[in-house]
């Protein structure tokens, strides 16, 4: 694993905890160097928004949602991805009005479809089954794929009780069969991270070889309550978006970090057959990161 050297007497988590208690948030840190497909308005273009750890139901989530709606009004988007922890604190679907319907009312009224995965908080009530059944979350199961324009999304259940015995063969065969120019995998838990939880060697071993073999260019996750974009690792960029409303945590950039920030916000993405433009915004509408992924020839 790539980690920053630890201080002599403090673990990474202890150091991050101290930062959480003593530092304010807001400054961006840049490192040095089978869901039934729905036709996109254009087969060669897709615009979408993504965030995670959003379901707080408070003013922070509302501020992020308001900025997402502002992007939609400026230039319409085709869908929204929610990378888990959709309803705090225990995934109770009875809270869906406060944590989903009300904050995202402008997007929902505009007819923008949402597609979610389950986070660790979501499975605390009935193992997340009510959320899977809730149609506005756009989930065709605990895992599913979705082809829109030049992008195919592979939506995973990465929770500790996930059925990898079935899910992993499905992912392998689905990735192998995909003809999409862009393969984007979405799960709640990070694989590479410079945040509180850090890198996950088990997930790296389970998913990394599949990503490399089948050309997954982007992995989107939450769980870490920060924004992170890694440098490309074996052809994959890892994007952490646990900034949709939950309380933030500090982050310490490491050797894999391309950009990071501890701010609430979301990401706007636009794909063509050859590029994905990534624009990350905070809850005040200020840019926190921009980059372009280019498909290999």
C-alpha atoms as a PDB file:
ATOM      1  CA  UNK A   1       0.000   0.000   0.000  1.00  0.00           C
ATOM      2  CA  UNK A   2       1.101   3.566  -0.654  1.00  0.00           C
ATOM      3  CA  UNK A   3       0.955   5.562   2.544  1.00  0.00           C
ATOM      4  CA  UNK A   4       2.571   8.689   3.845  1.00  0.00           C
ATOM      5  CA  UNK A   5       5.273   7.971   6.444  1.00  0.00           C
ATOM      6  CA  UNK A   6       3.688   7.804   9.895  1.00  0.00           C
ATOM      7  CA  UNK A   7       4.774  10.116  12.652  1.00  0.00           C
ATOM      8  CA  UNK A   8       6.797   8.278  15.300  1.00  0.00           C
ATOM      9  CA  UNK A   9       4.082   8.112  17.955  1.00  0.00           C
ATOM     10  CA  UNK A  10       0.837   8.681  16.065  1.00  0.00           C
ATOM     11  CA  UNK A  11      -1.085   6.402  13.755  1.00  0.00           C
ATOM     12  CA  UNK A  12      -2.652   7.885  10.634  1.00  0.00           C
ATOM     13  CA  UNK A  13      -6.106   7.718  12.233  1.00  0.00           C
ATOM     14  CA  UNK A  14      -4.869   9.409  15.413  1.00  0.00           C
ATOM     15  CA  UNK A  15      -3.278  12.191  13.394  1.00  0.00           C
ATOM     16  CA  UNK A  16      -6.438  12.693  11.346  1.00  0.00           C
ATOM     17  CA  UNK A  17      -8.489  12.759  14.536  1.00  0.00           C
ATOM     18  CA  UNK A  18      -6.252  15.517  15.896  1.00  0.00           C
ATOM     19  CA  UNK A  19      -6.663  17.444  12.668  1.00  0.00           C
ATOM     20  CA  UNK A  20     -10.420  17.068  12.925  1.00  0.00           C
ATOM     21  CA  UNK A  21     -10.377  18.606  16.374  1.00  0.00           C
ATOM     22  CA  UNK A  22      -7.950  21.409  15.640  1.00  0.00           C
ATOM     23  CA  UNK A  23      -8.377  22.486  12.055  1.00  0.00           C
ATOM     24  CA  UNK A  24     -11.231  24.023  10.129  1.00  0.00           C
ATOM     25  CA  UNK A  25     -12.302  22.649   6.781  1.00  0.00           C
ATOM     26  CA  UNK A  26     -12.582  24.260   3.410  1.00  0.00           C
ATOM     27  CA  UNK A  27      -9.129  24.529   1.853  1.00  0.00           C
ATOM     28  CA  UNK A  28      -8.429  22.363  -1.156  1.00  0.00           C
ATOM     29  CA  UNK A  29      -5.183  20.405  -1.141  1.00  0.00           C
ATOM     30  CA  UNK A  30      -3.557  19.379  -4.407  1.00  0.00           C
ATOM     31  CA  UNK A  31      -0.782  16.792  -4.483  1.00  0.00           C
ATOM     32  CA  UNK A  32       2.412  17.542  -6.313  1.00  0.00           C
ATOM     33  CA  UNK A  33       3.022  15.905  -9.119  1.00  0.00           C
ATOM     34  CA  UNK A  34     -28.911  -5.751 -15.264  1.00  0.00           C
ATOM     35  CA  UNK A  35     -30.505  -2.421 -15.223  1.00  0.00           C
ATOM     36  CA  UNK A  36     -32.515  -2.010 -18.444  1.00  0.00           C
ATOM     37  CA  UNK A  37     -30.638   0.533 -20.552  1.00  0.00           C
ATOM     38  CA  UNK A  38     -32.391   3.843 -21.129  1.00  0.00           C
ATOM     39  CA  UNK A  39     -31.390   5.717 -24.251  1.00  0.00           C
ATOM     40  CA  UNK A  40     -29.352   8.854 -23.624  1.00  0.00           C
ATOM     41  CA  UNK A  41     -30.390  11.998 -25.497  1.00  0.00           C
ATOM     42  CA  UNK A  42     -27.167  11.453 -27.458  1.00  0.00           C
ATOM     43  CA  UNK A  43     -25.380   8.112 -27.880  1.00  0.00           C
ATOM     44  CA  UNK A  44     -22.072   9.980 -27.906  1.00  0.00           C
ATOM     45  CA  UNK A  45     -22.529  12.186 -24.857  1.00  0.00           C
ATOM     46  CA  UNK A  46     -23.524  11.793 -21.225  1.00  0.00           C
ATOM     47  CA  UNK A  47     -23.706  14.378 -18.465  1.00  0.00           C
ATOM     48  CA  UNK A  48     -24.197  13.315 -14.877  1.00  0.00           C
ATOM     49  CA  UNK A  49     -23.765  14.422 -11.280  1.00  0.00           C
ATOM     50  CA  UNK A  50     -22.428  12.288  -8.444  1.00  0.00           C
ATOM     51  CA  UNK A  51     -22.102  12.521  -4.690  1.00  0.00           C
ATOM     52  CA  UNK A  52     -22.198  10.224  -1.653  1.00  0.00           C
ATOM     53  CA  UNK A  53     -22.848  10.176   2.085  1.00  0.00           C
ATOM     54  CA  UNK A  54     -25.604  12.608   1.322  1.00  0.00           C
ATOM     55  CA  UNK A  55     -28.585  11.565   3.437  1.00  0.00           C
ATOM     56  CA  UNK A  56     -28.187  13.883   6.406  1.00  0.00           C
ATOM     57  CA  UNK A  57     -31.407  15.763   5.731  1.00  0.00           C
ATOM     58  CA  UNK A  58     -29.878  18.984   7.040  1.00  0.00           C
ATOM     59  CA  UNK A  59     -28.846  22.352   5.627  1.00  0.00           C
ATOM     60  CA  UNK A  60     -25.488  20.985   4.427  1.00  0.00           C
ATOM     61  CA  UNK A  61     -27.177  18.428   2.217  1.00  0.00           C
ATOM     62  CA  UNK A  62     -29.668  21.039   1.051  1.00  0.00           C
ATOM     63  CA  UNK A  63     -26.882  23.458   0.099  1.00  0.00           C
ATOM     64  CA  UNK A  64     -25.176  20.748  -1.975  1.00  0.00           C
ATOM     65  CA  UNK A  65     -28.480  19.765  -3.585  1.00  0.00           C
ATOM     66  CA  UNK A  66     -29.204  23.411  -4.434  1.00  0.00           C
ATOM     67  CA  UNK A  67     -25.885  23.685  -6.267  1.00  0.00           C
ATOM     68  CA  UNK A  68     -26.582  20.423  -8.104  1.00  0.00           C
ATOM     69  CA  UNK A  69     -29.911  21.869  -9.230  1.00  0.00           C
ATOM     70  CA  UNK A  70     -28.128  25.034 -10.363  1.00  0.00           C
ATOM     71  CA  UNK A  71     -25.834  22.954 -12.592  1.00  0.00           C
ATOM     72  CA  UNK A  72     -28.891  21.171 -14.010  1.00  0.00           C
ATOM     73  CA  UNK A  73     -30.559  24.495 -14.823  1.00  0.00           C
ATOM     74  CA  UNK A  74     -27.395  25.800 -16.464  1.00  0.00           C
ATOM     75  CA  UNK A  75     -26.908  22.681 -18.594  1.00  0.00           C
ATOM     76  CA  UNK A  76     -29.252  19.700 -18.159  1.00  0.00           C
ATOM     77  CA  UNK A  77     -27.842  16.422 -16.880  1.00  0.00           C
ATOM     78  CA  UNK A  78     -28.954  12.906 -17.786  1.00  0.00           C
ATOM     79  CA  UNK A  79     -28.765  11.296 -14.342  1.00  0.00           C
ATOM     80  CA  UNK A  80     -27.464  11.488 -10.772  1.00  0.00           C
ATOM     81  CA  UNK A  81     -25.341   8.823  -9.056  1.00  0.00           C
ATOM     82  CA  UNK A  82     -25.572   8.395  -5.268  1.00  0.00           C
ATOM     83  CA  UNK A  83     -22.678   6.276  -3.959  1.00  0.00           C
ATOM     84  CA  UNK A  84     -24.268   5.135  -0.709  1.00  0.00           C
ATOM     85  CA  UNK A  85     -25.293   6.255   2.765  1.00  0.00           C
ATOM     86  CA  UNK A  86     -28.408   7.663   1.173  1.00  0.00           C
ATOM     87  CA  UNK A  87     -30.338   7.833   4.471  1.00  0.00           C
ATOM     88  CA  UNK A  88     -28.679   8.553   7.810  1.00  0.00           C
ATOM     89  CA  UNK A  89     -28.304   7.267  10.375  1.00  0.00           C
ATOM     90  CA  UNK A  90     -29.827   3.849   9.967  1.00  0.00           C
ATOM     91  CA  UNK A  91     -31.177   3.635   6.416  1.00  0.00           C
ATOM     92  CA  UNK A  92     -34.797   3.887   7.569  1.00  0.00           C
ATOM     93  CA  UNK A  93     -36.891   4.417   4.436  1.00  0.00           C
ATOM     94  CA  UNK A  94     -39.446   6.383   6.475  1.00  0.00           C
ATOM     95  CA  UNK A  95     -36.887   9.233   6.457  1.00  0.00           C
ATOM     96  CA  UNK A  96     -36.698   9.346   2.654  1.00  0.00           C
ATOM     97  CA  UNK A  97     -38.705  12.558   2.364  1.00  0.00           C
ATOM     98  CA  UNK A  98     -36.264  14.508   4.530  1.00  0.00           C
ATOM     99  CA  UNK A  99     -33.107  12.894   3.149  1.00  0.00           C
ATOM    100  CA  UNK A 100     -33.970  12.554  -0.545  1.00  0.00           C
ATOM    101  CA  UNK A 101     -37.307  13.865  -1.790  1.00  0.00           C
ATOM    102  CA  UNK A 102     -37.087  17.310  -0.224  1.00  0.00           C
ATOM    103  CA  UNK A 103     -33.399  18.118  -0.847  1.00  0.00           C
ATOM    104  CA  UNK A 104     -33.472  16.931  -4.461  1.00  0.00           C
ATOM    105  CA  UNK A 105     -36.985  18.150  -5.268  1.00  0.00           C
ATOM    106  CA  UNK A 106     -35.806  20.477  -8.056  1.00  0.00           C
ATOM    107  CA  UNK A 107     -33.899  17.680  -9.793  1.00  0.00           C
ATOM    108  CA  UNK A 108     -36.754  15.223  -9.332  1.00  0.00           C
ATOM    109  CA  UNK A 109     -39.290  17.711 -10.672  1.00  0.00           C
ATOM    110  CA  UNK A 110     -37.039  18.219 -13.697  1.00  0.00           C
ATOM    111  CA  UNK A 111     -37.297  14.482 -14.358  1.00  0.00           C
ATOM    112  CA  UNK A 112     -33.651  13.674 -13.666  1.00  0.00           C
ATOM    113  CA  UNK A 113     -33.314   9.964 -12.781  1.00  0.00           C
ATOM    114  CA  UNK A 114     -31.261   8.884  -9.776  1.00  0.00           C
ATOM    115  CA  UNK A 115     -29.307   5.634  -9.443  1.00  0.00           C
ATOM    116  CA  UNK A 116     -27.964   4.634  -6.025  1.00  0.00           C
ATOM    117  CA  UNK A 117     -25.941   1.944  -4.304  1.00  0.00           C
ATOM    118  CA  UNK A 118     -26.149   0.860  -0.669  1.00  0.00           C
ATOM    119  CA  UNK A 119     -23.792   2.216   1.983  1.00  0.00           C
ATOM    120  CA  UNK A 120     -23.006   0.788   5.405  1.00  0.00           C
ATOM    121  CA  UNK A 121     -25.616   3.012   7.094  1.00  0.00           C
ATOM    122  CA  UNK A 122     -28.243   1.990   4.547  1.00  0.00           C
ATOM    123  CA  UNK A 123     -28.118  -1.694   5.515  1.00  0.00           C
ATOM    124  CA  UNK A 124     -28.828  -1.031   9.201  1.00  0.00           C
ATOM    125  CA  UNK A 125     -32.569  -1.299   8.527  1.00  0.00           C
ATOM    126  CA  UNK A 126     -33.818  -4.530   6.895  1.00  0.00           C
ATOM    127  CA  UNK A 127     -30.412  -4.955   5.250  1.00  0.00           C
ATOM    128  CA  UNK A 128     -31.241  -2.115   2.865  1.00  0.00           C
ATOM    129  CA  UNK A 129     -34.008  -4.021   1.074  1.00  0.00           C
ATOM    130  CA  UNK A 130     -36.562  -1.164   1.368  1.00  0.00           C
ATOM    131  CA  UNK A 131     -34.106   1.166  -0.367  1.00  0.00           C
ATOM    132  CA  UNK A 132     -33.555  -1.338  -3.171  1.00  0.00           C
ATOM    133  CA  UNK A 133     -37.328  -1.506  -3.615  1.00  0.00           C
ATOM    134  CA  UNK A 134     -37.755   2.287  -3.563  1.00  0.00           C
ATOM    135  CA  UNK A 135     -38.111   3.096  -7.254  1.00  0.00           C
ATOM    136  CA  UNK A 136     -36.772   6.690  -7.200  1.00  0.00           C
ATOM    137  CA  UNK A 137     -33.390   5.290  -6.072  1.00  0.00           C
ATOM    138  CA  UNK A 138     -33.218   3.537  -9.449  1.00  0.00           C
ATOM    139  CA  UNK A 139     -31.775   0.286  -8.103  1.00  0.00           C
ATOM    140  CA  UNK A 140     -32.421  -2.884 -10.083  1.00  0.00           C
ATOM    141  CA  UNK A 141     -30.942  -4.946  -7.248  1.00  0.00           C
ATOM    142  CA  UNK A 142     -28.131  -4.873  -4.745  1.00  0.00           C
ATOM    143  CA  UNK A 143     -25.849  -4.747  -7.777  1.00  0.00           C
ATOM    144  CA  UNK A 144     -26.723  -3.891 -11.364  1.00  0.00           C
ATOM    145  CA  UNK A 145     -25.387  -2.287 -14.525  1.00  0.00           C
ATOM    146  CA  UNK A 146     -26.656   0.697 -16.472  1.00  0.00           C
ATOM    147  CA  UNK A 147     -25.602   1.716 -19.992  1.00  0.00           C
ATOM    148  CA  UNK A 148     -26.158   5.340 -20.928  1.00  0.00           C
ATOM    149  CA  UNK A 149     -24.566   6.842 -24.023  1.00  0.00           C
ATOM    150  CA  UNK A 150     -20.795   6.199 -24.045  1.00  0.00           C
ATOM    151  CA  UNK A 151     -20.755   5.091 -20.390  1.00  0.00           C
ATOM    152  CA  UNK A 152     -21.626   1.804 -18.716  1.00  0.00           C
ATOM    153  CA  UNK A 153     -22.020   1.943 -14.944  1.00  0.00           C
ATOM    154  CA  UNK A 154     -21.459  -1.130 -12.781  1.00  0.00           C
ATOM    155  CA  UNK A 155     -23.177  -0.499  -9.446  1.00  0.00           C
ATOM    156  CA  UNK A 156     -21.885  -2.642  -6.574  1.00  0.00           C
ATOM    157  CA  UNK A 157     -22.804  -3.631  -3.031  1.00  0.00           C
ATOM    158  CA  UNK A 158     -19.476  -3.275  -1.206  1.00  0.00           C
ATOM    159  CA  UNK A 159     -20.818  -3.789   2.318  1.00  0.00           C
ATOM    160  CA  UNK A 160     -19.281  -6.268   4.740  1.00  0.00           C
ATOM    161  CA  UNK A 161     -22.161  -8.710   4.191  1.00  0.00           C
ATOM    162  CA  UNK A 162     -22.138  -8.412   0.391  1.00  0.00           C
ATOM    163  CA  UNK A 163     -22.553 -11.647  -1.533  1.00  0.00           C
ATOM    164  CA  UNK A 164     -19.257 -11.613  -3.417  1.00  0.00           C
ATOM    165  CA  UNK A 165     -19.714 -15.258  -4.372  1.00  0.00           C
ATOM    166  CA  UNK A 166     -22.424 -14.117  -6.796  1.00  0.00           C
ATOM    167  CA  UNK A 167     -21.506 -10.485  -7.314  1.00  0.00           C
ATOM    168  CA  UNK A 168     -17.888 -11.000  -8.389  1.00  0.00           C
ATOM    169  CA  UNK A 169     -18.636 -13.483 -11.208  1.00  0.00           C
ATOM    170  CA  UNK A 170     -21.429 -11.156 -12.368  1.00  0.00           C
ATOM    171  CA  UNK A 171     -19.019  -8.208 -12.402  1.00  0.00           C
ATOM    172  CA  UNK A 172     -16.374 -10.186 -14.266  1.00  0.00           C
ATOM    173  CA  UNK A 173     -18.755 -11.346 -16.979  1.00  0.00           C
ATOM    174  CA  UNK A 174     -20.473  -7.942 -17.254  1.00  0.00           C
ATOM    175  CA  UNK A 175     -17.175  -6.104 -17.640  1.00  0.00           C
ATOM    176  CA  UNK A 176     -15.987  -8.645 -20.200  1.00  0.00           C
ATOM    177  CA  UNK A 177     -19.179  -8.221 -22.230  1.00  0.00           C
ATOM    178  CA  UNK A 178     -19.249  -4.411 -22.131  1.00  0.00           C
ATOM    179  CA  UNK A 179     -18.595  -2.538 -25.370  1.00  0.00           C
ATOM    180  CA  UNK A 180     -18.889   0.899 -23.775  1.00  0.00           C
ATOM    181  CA  UNK A 181     -16.046   3.371 -24.374  1.00  0.00           C
ATOM    182  CA  UNK A 182     -16.127   4.143 -20.637  1.00  0.00           C
ATOM    183  CA  UNK A 183     -16.520   1.620 -17.827  1.00  0.00           C
ATOM    184  CA  UNK A 184     -17.366   3.253 -14.495  1.00  0.00           C
ATOM    185  CA  UNK A 185     -17.705   1.177 -11.327  1.00  0.00           C
ATOM    186  CA  UNK A 186     -19.605   2.627  -8.342  1.00  0.00           C
ATOM    187  CA  UNK A 187     -19.404   1.284  -4.791  1.00  0.00           C
ATOM    188  CA  UNK A 188     -19.729   2.854  -1.372  1.00  0.00           C
ATOM    189  CA  UNK A 189     -16.377   1.853   0.090  1.00  0.00           C
ATOM    190  CA  UNK A 190     -12.974   3.215  -0.962  1.00  0.00           C
ATOM    191  CA  UNK A 191     -10.243   1.100  -2.497  1.00  0.00           C
ATOM    192  CA  UNK A 192      -7.505   3.738  -2.472  1.00  0.00           C
ATOM    193  CA  UNK A 193      -7.825   6.600  -0.006  1.00  0.00           C
ATOM    194  CA  UNK A 194      -5.782   9.155   1.900  1.00  0.00           C
ATOM    195  CA  UNK A 195      -8.587   9.654   4.403  1.00  0.00           C
ATOM    196  CA  UNK A 196      -9.457   8.157   7.783  1.00  0.00           C
ATOM    197  CA  UNK A 197      -9.859   4.563   6.576  1.00  0.00           C
ATOM    198  CA  UNK A 198      -6.961   4.592   4.119  1.00  0.00           C
ATOM    199  CA  UNK A 199      -6.283   1.992   1.447  1.00  0.00           C
ATOM    200  CA  UNK A 200      -8.200  -1.294   1.518  1.00  0.00           C
ATOM    201  CA  UNK A 201      -5.878  -4.186   0.596  1.00  0.00           C
ATOM    202  CA  UNK A 202      -8.761  -6.685   0.452  1.00  0.00           C
ATOM    203  CA  UNK A 203     -10.677  -4.552  -2.051  1.00  0.00           C
ATOM    204  CA  UNK A 204      -7.487  -3.921  -4.007  1.00  0.00           C
ATOM    205  CA  UNK A 205      -6.932  -7.661  -4.347  1.00  0.00           C
ATOM    206  CA  UNK A 206     -10.573  -8.419  -5.128  1.00  0.00           C
ATOM    207  CA  UNK A 207     -11.320  -5.667  -7.637  1.00  0.00           C
ATOM    208  CA  UNK A 208      -8.000  -4.229  -8.813  1.00  0.00           C
ATOM    209  CA  UNK A 209      -7.126  -7.122 -11.165  1.00  0.00           C
ATOM    210  CA  UNK A 210     -10.611  -6.988 -12.751  1.00  0.00           C
ATOM    211  CA  UNK A 211     -10.358  -3.235 -13.246  1.00  0.00           C
ATOM    212  CA  UNK A 212      -6.967  -3.623 -14.912  1.00  0.00           C
ATOM    213  CA  UNK A 213      -7.930  -6.607 -17.092  1.00  0.00           C
ATOM    214  CA  UNK A 214     -11.204  -5.175 -18.373  1.00  0.00           C
ATOM    215  CA  UNK A 215     -10.214  -1.522 -18.600  1.00  0.00           C
ATOM    216  CA  UNK A 216     -12.251   0.171 -15.860  1.00  0.00           C
ATOM    217  CA  UNK A 217     -11.258   3.823 -16.129  1.00  0.00           C
ATOM    218  CA  UNK A 218     -13.126   5.279 -13.128  1.00  0.00           C
ATOM    219  CA  UNK A 219     -14.220   4.063  -9.678  1.00  0.00           C
ATOM    220  CA  UNK A 220     -16.616   6.275  -7.704  1.00  0.00           C
ATOM    221  CA  UNK A 221     -17.137   5.774  -3.950  1.00  0.00           C
ATOM    222  CA  UNK A 222     -18.080   7.453  -0.691  1.00  0.00           C
ATOM    223  CA  UNK A 223     -17.560   6.354   2.951  1.00  0.00           C
ATOM    224  CA  UNK A 224     -14.574   8.646   3.454  1.00  0.00           C
ATOM    225  CA  UNK A 225     -16.133  12.021   4.283  1.00  0.00           C
ATOM    226  CA  UNK A 226     -13.899  14.008   1.977  1.00  0.00           C
ATOM    227  CA  UNK A 227     -13.192  14.630  -1.696  1.00  0.00           C
ATOM    228  CA  UNK A 228     -10.335  12.715  -3.266  1.00  0.00           C
ATOM    229  CA  UNK A 229      -9.095  12.082  -6.766  1.00  0.00           C
ATOM    230  CA  UNK A 230      -6.177   9.746  -7.212  1.00  0.00           C
ATOM    231  CA  UNK A 231      -3.576   9.688  -9.873  1.00  0.00           C
ATOM    232  CA  UNK A 232      -4.240   6.947 -12.381  1.00  0.00           C
ATOM    233  CA  UNK A 233      -3.474   3.544 -10.843  1.00  0.00           C
ATOM    234  CA  UNK A 234      -3.141   0.725 -13.388  1.00  0.00           C
ATOM    235  CA  UNK A 235      -5.426   2.654 -15.718  1.00  0.00           C
ATOM    236  CA  UNK A 236      -8.100   3.534 -13.113  1.00  0.00           C
ATOM    237  CA  UNK A 237      -8.819   6.880 -11.443  1.00  0.00           C
ATOM    238  CA  UNK A 238     -10.401   6.579  -7.978  1.00  0.00           C
ATOM    239  CA  UNK A 239     -12.870   9.306  -7.020  1.00  0.00           C
ATOM    240  CA  UNK A 240     -14.068   9.631  -3.417  1.00  0.00           C
ATOM    241  CA  UNK A 241     -17.221  11.732  -3.000  1.00  0.00           C
ATOM    242  CA  UNK A 242     -18.355  11.352   0.620  1.00  0.00           C
ATOM    243  CA  UNK A 243     -19.206  15.051   0.641  1.00  0.00           C
ATOM    244  CA  UNK A 244     -22.947  15.133   0.029  1.00  0.00           C
ATOM    245  CA  UNK A 245     -24.039  16.181   3.521  1.00  0.00           C
ATOM    246  CA  UNK A 246     -22.446  14.067   6.263  1.00  0.00           C
ATOM    247  CA  UNK A 247     -19.996  15.601   8.739  1.00  0.00           C
ATOM    248  CA  UNK A 248     -16.584  16.057   7.154  1.00  0.00           C
ATOM    249  CA  UNK A 249     -13.266  14.534   8.164  1.00  0.00           C
ATOM    250  CA  UNK A 250      -9.737  15.773   7.469  1.00  0.00           C
ATOM    251  CA  UNK A 251      -7.492  14.237   4.838  1.00  0.00           C
ATOM    252  CA  UNK A 252      -3.732  13.911   4.388  1.00  0.00           C
ATOM    253  CA  UNK A 253      -2.577  13.660   0.770  1.00  0.00           C
ATOM    254  CA  UNK A 254      -0.316  10.720  -0.027  1.00  0.00           C
ATOM    255  CA  UNK A 255       1.644   9.495  -3.022  1.00  0.00           C
ATOM    256  CA  UNK A 256      -1.492   8.462  -4.903  1.00  0.00           C
ATOM    257  CA  UNK A 257      -3.313  11.774  -4.418  1.00  0.00           C
ATOM    258  CA  UNK A 258      -3.927  14.038  -7.401  1.00  0.00           C
ATOM    259  CA  UNK A 259      -6.315  16.373  -5.535  1.00  0.00           C
ATOM    260  CA  UNK A 260      -8.253  16.389  -2.281  1.00  0.00           C
ATOM    261  CA  UNK A 261     -10.401  18.662  -0.156  1.00  0.00           C
ATOM    262  CA  UNK A 262     -12.480  18.478   3.003  1.00  0.00           C
ATOM    263  CA  UNK A 263     -15.576  20.336   1.817  1.00  0.00           C
ATOM    264  CA  UNK A 264     -19.187  19.501   1.110  1.00  0.00           C
ATOM    265  CA  UNK A 265     -20.046  19.218  -2.563  1.00  0.00           C
ATOM    266  CA  UNK A 266     -20.499  17.018  -5.610  1.00  0.00           C
ATOM    267  CA  UNK A 267     -18.994  16.280  -9.013  1.00  0.00           C
ATOM    268  CA  UNK A 268     -20.235  17.160 -12.488  1.00  0.00           C
ATOM    269  CA  UNK A 269     -19.050  14.781 -15.211  1.00  0.00           C
ATOM    270  CA  UNK A 270     -19.394  14.885 -18.982  1.00  0.00           C
ATOM    271  CA  UNK A 271     -18.407  11.963 -21.192  1.00  0.00           C
ATOM    272  CA  UNK A 272     -17.780  11.726 -24.912  1.00  0.00           C
ATOM    273  CA  UNK A 273     -16.400   8.600 -26.579  1.00  0.00           C
ATOM    274  CA  UNK A 274     -12.857   9.868 -25.968  1.00  0.00           C
ATOM    275  CA  UNK A 275     -12.947  11.987 -22.786  1.00  0.00           C
ATOM    276  CA  UNK A 276     -14.564  12.421 -19.398  1.00  0.00           C
ATOM    277  CA  UNK A 277     -14.464  15.949 -18.023  1.00  0.00           C
ATOM    278  CA  UNK A 278     -14.597  16.084 -14.213  1.00  0.00           C
ATOM    279  CA  UNK A 279     -15.578  19.270 -12.375  1.00  0.00           C
ATOM    280  CA  UNK A 280     -15.877  19.139  -8.590  1.00  0.00           C
ATOM    281  CA  UNK A 281     -17.915  21.864  -6.860  1.00  0.00           C
ATOM    282  CA  UNK A 282     -18.384  22.814  -3.225  1.00  0.00           C
ATOM    283  CA  UNK A 283     -21.734  23.693  -1.645  1.00  0.00           C
ATOM    284  CA  UNK A 284     -21.209  27.379  -2.459  1.00  0.00           C
ATOM    285  CA  UNK A 285     -20.687  26.677  -6.146  1.00  0.00           C
ATOM    286  CA  UNK A 286     -16.912  27.175  -6.063  1.00  0.00           C
ATOM    287  CA  UNK A 287     -14.645  24.903  -8.086  1.00  0.00           C
ATOM    288  CA  UNK A 288     -12.480  22.542  -6.018  1.00  0.00           C
ATOM    289  CA  UNK A 289     -11.017  20.362  -8.782  1.00  0.00           C
ATOM    290  CA  UNK A 290     -11.000  19.967 -12.556  1.00  0.00           C
ATOM    291  CA  UNK A 291      -9.461  17.328 -14.801  1.00  0.00           C
ATOM    292  CA  UNK A 292     -10.027  15.432 -18.035  1.00  0.00           C
ATOM    293  CA  UNK A 293      -9.698  11.666 -18.421  1.00  0.00           C
ATOM    294  CA  UNK A 294      -8.661  10.592 -21.921  1.00  0.00           C
ATOM    295  CA  UNK A 295      -9.525   7.175 -23.318  1.00  0.00           C
ATOM    296  CA  UNK A 296      -6.606   5.098 -24.489  1.00  0.00           C
ATOM    297  CA  UNK A 297      -6.384   4.873 -28.245  1.00  0.00           C
END
